[in-house]
Structures are given as C-alpha cells and as structure tokens.
Protein backbone atom coordinates (compact mmCIF):
# COMPACT_ATOMS: atom_id res chain seq x y z
CA UNK A 1 0.00 0.00 0.00
CA UNK A 2 1.33 3.42 -0.87
CA UNK A 3 0.08 6.98 -0.41
CA UNK A 4 0.73 9.48 -3.14
CA UNK A 5 -0.37 12.94 -4.15
CA UNK A 6 -2.49 12.93 -7.28
CA UNK A 7 -3.05 15.88 -9.59
CA UNK A 8 -6.58 16.94 -10.43
CA UNK A 9 -6.13 15.69 -13.99
CA UNK A 10 -5.45 12.14 -12.73
CA UNK A 11 -8.43 11.94 -10.36
CA UNK A 12 -10.99 10.77 -12.97
CA UNK A 13 -9.02 7.54 -13.41
CA UNK A 14 -9.67 6.75 -9.74
CA UNK A 15 -13.28 7.99 -9.54
CA UNK A 16 -14.82 4.52 -9.12
CA UNK A 17 -12.50 3.66 -6.24
CA UNK A 18 -13.03 7.04 -4.56
CA UNK A 19 -16.81 6.64 -4.94
CA UNK A 20 -16.67 3.15 -3.39
CA UNK A 21 -14.53 4.24 -0.42
CA UNK A 22 -16.71 7.32 0.16
CA UNK A 23 -19.89 5.20 0.12
CA UNK A 24 -18.37 2.55 2.42
CA UNK A 25 -17.17 5.12 4.96
CA UNK A 26 -19.94 7.70 4.97
CA UNK A 27 -22.92 5.31 4.78
CA UNK A 28 -21.85 3.90 8.16
CA UNK A 29 -22.52 5.54 11.54
CA UNK A 30 -22.19 8.27 12.61
CA UNK A 31 -22.55 9.73 9.09
CA UNK A 32 -25.38 7.49 7.85
CA UNK A 33 -25.42 8.93 4.33
CA UNK A 34 -27.20 7.04 1.58
CA UNK A 35 -24.73 4.94 -0.46
CA UNK A 36 -25.62 7.04 -3.51
CA UNK A 37 -23.79 9.93 -1.83
CA UNK A 38 -20.57 8.39 -3.17
CA UNK A 39 -21.61 9.22 -6.73
CA UNK A 40 -22.59 12.76 -5.71
CA UNK A 41 -19.24 13.16 -3.99
CA UNK A 42 -17.25 12.21 -7.10
CA UNK A 43 -19.28 14.77 -9.07
CA UNK A 44 -18.50 17.43 -6.44
CA UNK A 45 -14.86 16.35 -6.40
CA UNK A 46 -14.56 17.09 -10.11
CA UNK A 47 -15.61 20.69 -9.40
CA UNK A 48 -13.56 20.95 -6.19
CA UNK A 49 -10.43 19.94 -8.11
CA UNK A 50 -10.51 23.39 -9.73
CA UNK A 51 -10.31 25.24 -6.40
CA UNK A 52 -7.14 27.24 -5.69
CA UNK A 53 -4.60 25.20 -3.76
CA UNK A 54 -6.46 21.93 -4.37
CA UNK A 55 -4.52 18.83 -3.38
CA UNK A 56 -5.50 15.17 -3.21
CA UNK A 57 -3.80 12.07 -1.89
CA UNK A 58 -4.74 8.47 -2.55
CA UNK A 59 -3.89 5.30 -0.68
CA UNK A 60 -3.35 2.73 -3.41
CA UNK A 61 -2.88 -1.02 -3.36
CA UNK A 62 -1.89 -1.43 -6.99
CA UNK A 63 -4.69 0.46 -8.72
CA UNK A 64 -7.23 -0.16 -5.94
CA UNK A 65 -8.14 2.89 -3.88
CA UNK A 66 -8.09 2.14 -0.15
CA UNK A 67 -8.40 5.74 1.02
CA UNK A 68 -8.24 9.37 -0.04
CA UNK A 69 -7.89 12.88 1.33
CA UNK A 70 -8.58 16.24 -0.27
CA UNK A 71 -7.81 19.81 0.75
CA UNK A 72 -7.70 23.30 -0.74
CA UNK A 73 -6.95 26.86 0.24
CA UNK A 74 -9.83 28.61 1.98
CA UNK A 75 -10.53 31.85 0.10
CA UNK A 76 -9.38 35.11 1.72
CA UNK A 77 -12.94 36.36 1.36
CA UNK A 78 -14.39 33.71 3.68
CA UNK A 79 -17.31 31.94 1.97
CA UNK A 80 -20.83 31.93 3.37
CA UNK A 81 -22.20 28.85 1.59
CA UNK A 82 -22.29 25.28 2.93
CA UNK A 83 -21.32 25.40 6.64
CA UNK A 84 -18.96 28.36 6.29
CA UNK A 85 -21.51 30.91 7.49
CA UNK A 86 -22.05 28.96 10.72
CA UNK A 87 -18.30 28.67 11.27
CA UNK A 88 -17.82 32.42 10.77
CA UNK A 89 -20.67 33.11 13.18
CA UNK A 90 -19.12 30.85 15.83
CA UNK A 91 -15.57 32.19 15.56
CA UNK A 92 -16.35 35.81 14.81
CA UNK A 93 -14.77 37.87 12.04
CA UNK A 94 -11.32 38.38 13.61
CA UNK A 95 -10.62 34.70 14.33
CA UNK A 96 -12.19 33.60 11.07
CA UNK A 97 -9.86 35.92 9.17
CA UNK A 98 -6.74 35.13 11.22
CA UNK A 99 -7.22 31.39 11.60
CA UNK A 100 -9.08 30.17 8.50
CA UNK A 101 -8.94 32.64 5.60
CA UNK A 102 -6.06 31.69 3.32
CA UNK A 103 -5.38 28.52 5.35
CA UNK A 104 -5.41 24.97 4.00
CA UNK A 105 -8.80 23.37 4.57
CA UNK A 106 -9.03 19.59 4.74
CA UNK A 107 -12.31 18.72 3.06
CA UNK A 108 -12.49 14.93 3.14
CA UNK A 109 -10.49 12.05 4.57
CA UNK A 110 -11.69 8.48 4.22
CA UNK A 111 -10.06 5.07 4.68
CA UNK A 112 -11.81 1.88 3.57
CA UNK A 113 -12.99 -0.19 6.56
CA UNK A 114 -10.67 -3.10 5.69
CA UNK A 115 -7.63 -0.78 5.62
CA UNK A 116 -8.20 0.93 8.97
CA UNK A 117 -5.63 0.62 11.70
CA UNK A 118 -2.76 0.55 9.19
CA UNK A 119 -1.69 4.19 9.52
CA UNK A 120 -3.16 5.15 6.13
CA UNK A 121 -5.35 7.89 7.60
CA UNK A 122 -2.34 9.58 9.19
CA UNK A 123 -0.33 9.24 5.98
CA UNK A 124 -3.14 10.69 3.87
CA UNK A 125 -3.62 13.58 6.29
CA UNK A 126 0.11 14.33 6.34
CA UNK A 127 0.28 14.20 2.54
CA UNK A 128 -2.43 16.82 1.99
CA UNK A 129 -1.40 19.12 4.86
CA UNK A 130 2.38 19.09 4.34
CA UNK A 131 2.24 22.31 2.30
CA UNK A 132 -0.08 24.22 4.68
CA UNK A 133 1.03 27.87 4.69
CA UNK A 134 2.80 28.55 8.00
CA UNK A 135 1.20 25.38 9.39
CA UNK A 136 -2.25 26.94 9.02
CA UNK A 137 -4.67 24.10 8.31
CA UNK A 138 -8.14 23.37 9.60
CA UNK A 139 -11.17 21.18 9.10
CA UNK A 140 -14.76 20.64 10.16
CA UNK A 141 -16.11 17.39 11.50
CA UNK A 142 -19.11 16.15 13.40
CA UNK A 143 -19.15 16.40 17.18
CA UNK A 144 -20.78 12.94 17.15
CA UNK A 145 -17.92 11.28 15.24
CA UNK A 146 -16.09 9.99 18.30
CA UNK A 147 -13.62 7.70 16.47
CA UNK A 148 -12.84 10.50 14.02
CA UNK A 149 -12.22 12.95 16.86
CA UNK A 150 -9.90 10.44 18.58
CA UNK A 151 -7.97 10.03 15.32
CA UNK A 152 -7.46 13.78 14.93
CA UNK A 153 -6.50 14.18 18.59
CA UNK A 154 -3.87 11.42 18.22
CA UNK A 155 -2.67 13.22 15.08
CA UNK A 156 -2.08 16.42 17.08
CA UNK A 157 -5.13 18.38 15.94
CA UNK A 158 -6.83 20.77 18.37
CA UNK A 159 -10.54 21.27 18.85
CA UNK A 160 -11.65 24.89 18.96
CA UNK A 161 -13.92 24.96 22.04
CA UNK A 162 -16.58 27.09 20.38
CA UNK A 163 -19.81 25.40 19.27
CA UNK A 164 -20.72 25.88 15.63
CA UNK A 165 -24.43 26.77 15.39
CA UNK A 166 -26.76 24.79 13.17
CA UNK A 167 -28.29 21.35 13.08
CA UNK A 168 -25.16 19.54 11.89
CA UNK A 169 -23.32 19.55 15.24
CA UNK A 170 -20.02 20.59 13.68
CA UNK A 171 -16.75 21.45 15.35
CA UNK A 172 -13.64 23.20 14.05
CA UNK A 173 -10.24 21.54 14.41
CA UNK A 174 -6.91 23.32 13.89
CA UNK A 175 -3.82 21.47 12.67
CA UNK A 176 -0.90 20.63 14.96
CA UNK A 177 1.31 23.45 13.63
CA UNK A 178 -1.41 26.10 13.38
CA UNK A 179 -0.13 29.36 14.95
CA UNK A 180 -3.37 29.74 16.92
CA UNK A 181 -2.54 26.63 18.94
CA UNK A 182 1.04 27.72 19.64
CA UNK A 183 -0.19 30.44 21.99
CA UNK A 184 -3.12 30.33 24.39
CA UNK A 185 -5.71 27.61 23.87
CA UNK A 186 -8.08 28.69 21.11
CA UNK A 187 -11.38 29.80 22.52
CA UNK A 188 -13.99 32.52 22.57
C-alpha cells in the first residue's frame, strides 16, 4: 500500500475507487449517508479539483483505492455557503480571518474499513497538509464522530472549544502546527 499525491487531472481515473470508499465510509454511523452519496461526492470532487490550492492524496494497493484525502486553500474572502456561514458566526470575524482565511482546509479524509488501523489515515492527512502555509490548516467534522475525533486528537489536531451553530453539530479543528494553537488555547 502506498500513499501518493495525485493531480486533479489524474483523479478521474480513480473515480470509481473514490466513490466506493466514500460510500463505504460515509454510509456507516455516525454519518449514515445514503450509499448514492458516493456518486454525488465524485461529481462534487470534479468541481472541487478546480479550487485554488487543491490537493488530493490516494492510498493505493496497486490500482485499488483504499483511502483518499482532499484539501484546498480557503478563500481570503471567507465563503458563506455550505457550513462556512455557521463557522464564521461561531468564531467571529477576527478569528475567522486570522485562523481560516487563506489557510489549507481539509475537506475529506476516508479510509476503507478493511484498511483501517494501518496508519493510512495519518499518511493521507500528512500528505495533503504538508504544504499548509505557515502550518495553518483546519477542518470541520461532526461532534458525534467519536472515532474520528480520537484520530485527529492522536494526530495532534486541536478542537476549537466554540460550538458551531446549526443542526449539523459541527466542530472546528486546527492542525498541529497552526499558529493559533502555539499560543493560548483557542477559545472565545
């Protein structure tokens, strides 16, 4: 098994494997998405690949995808679509600008159930965050995803202790080298 960065032009060749891993991971608890969400994700991924700073890593066993991670640069003008508006509301404009705008945002990380416990998740995460500007990387995840939160904690990520409003129960995590975690604990 090997982890490698993949350019956006190469992603279509792995779309079936990415779709399968996405469906396997995110149809299970705590996500409970319909398996068809894998197909919707690969469609979204094709558009996301055009975002500034986009990077993707694949865990490959031969040509078989066993995991993937994607990230991109959060725009300087912080977006308001998807969950961004809730995040900005929770953190406030100063922290949103200082911590997230222009930082590397990890969008997805998934490892096939039969490949878990092998270190692939950590390798994928390291591959897509290695080039984070000044160590500034962040992500959103579900407060109910206990195994996911344990993984990120073991990987050195820090939970911002500010609840994100909205029905999704999201939390913000800052990467291990993020300047905001070098000083006082991030908080309100």
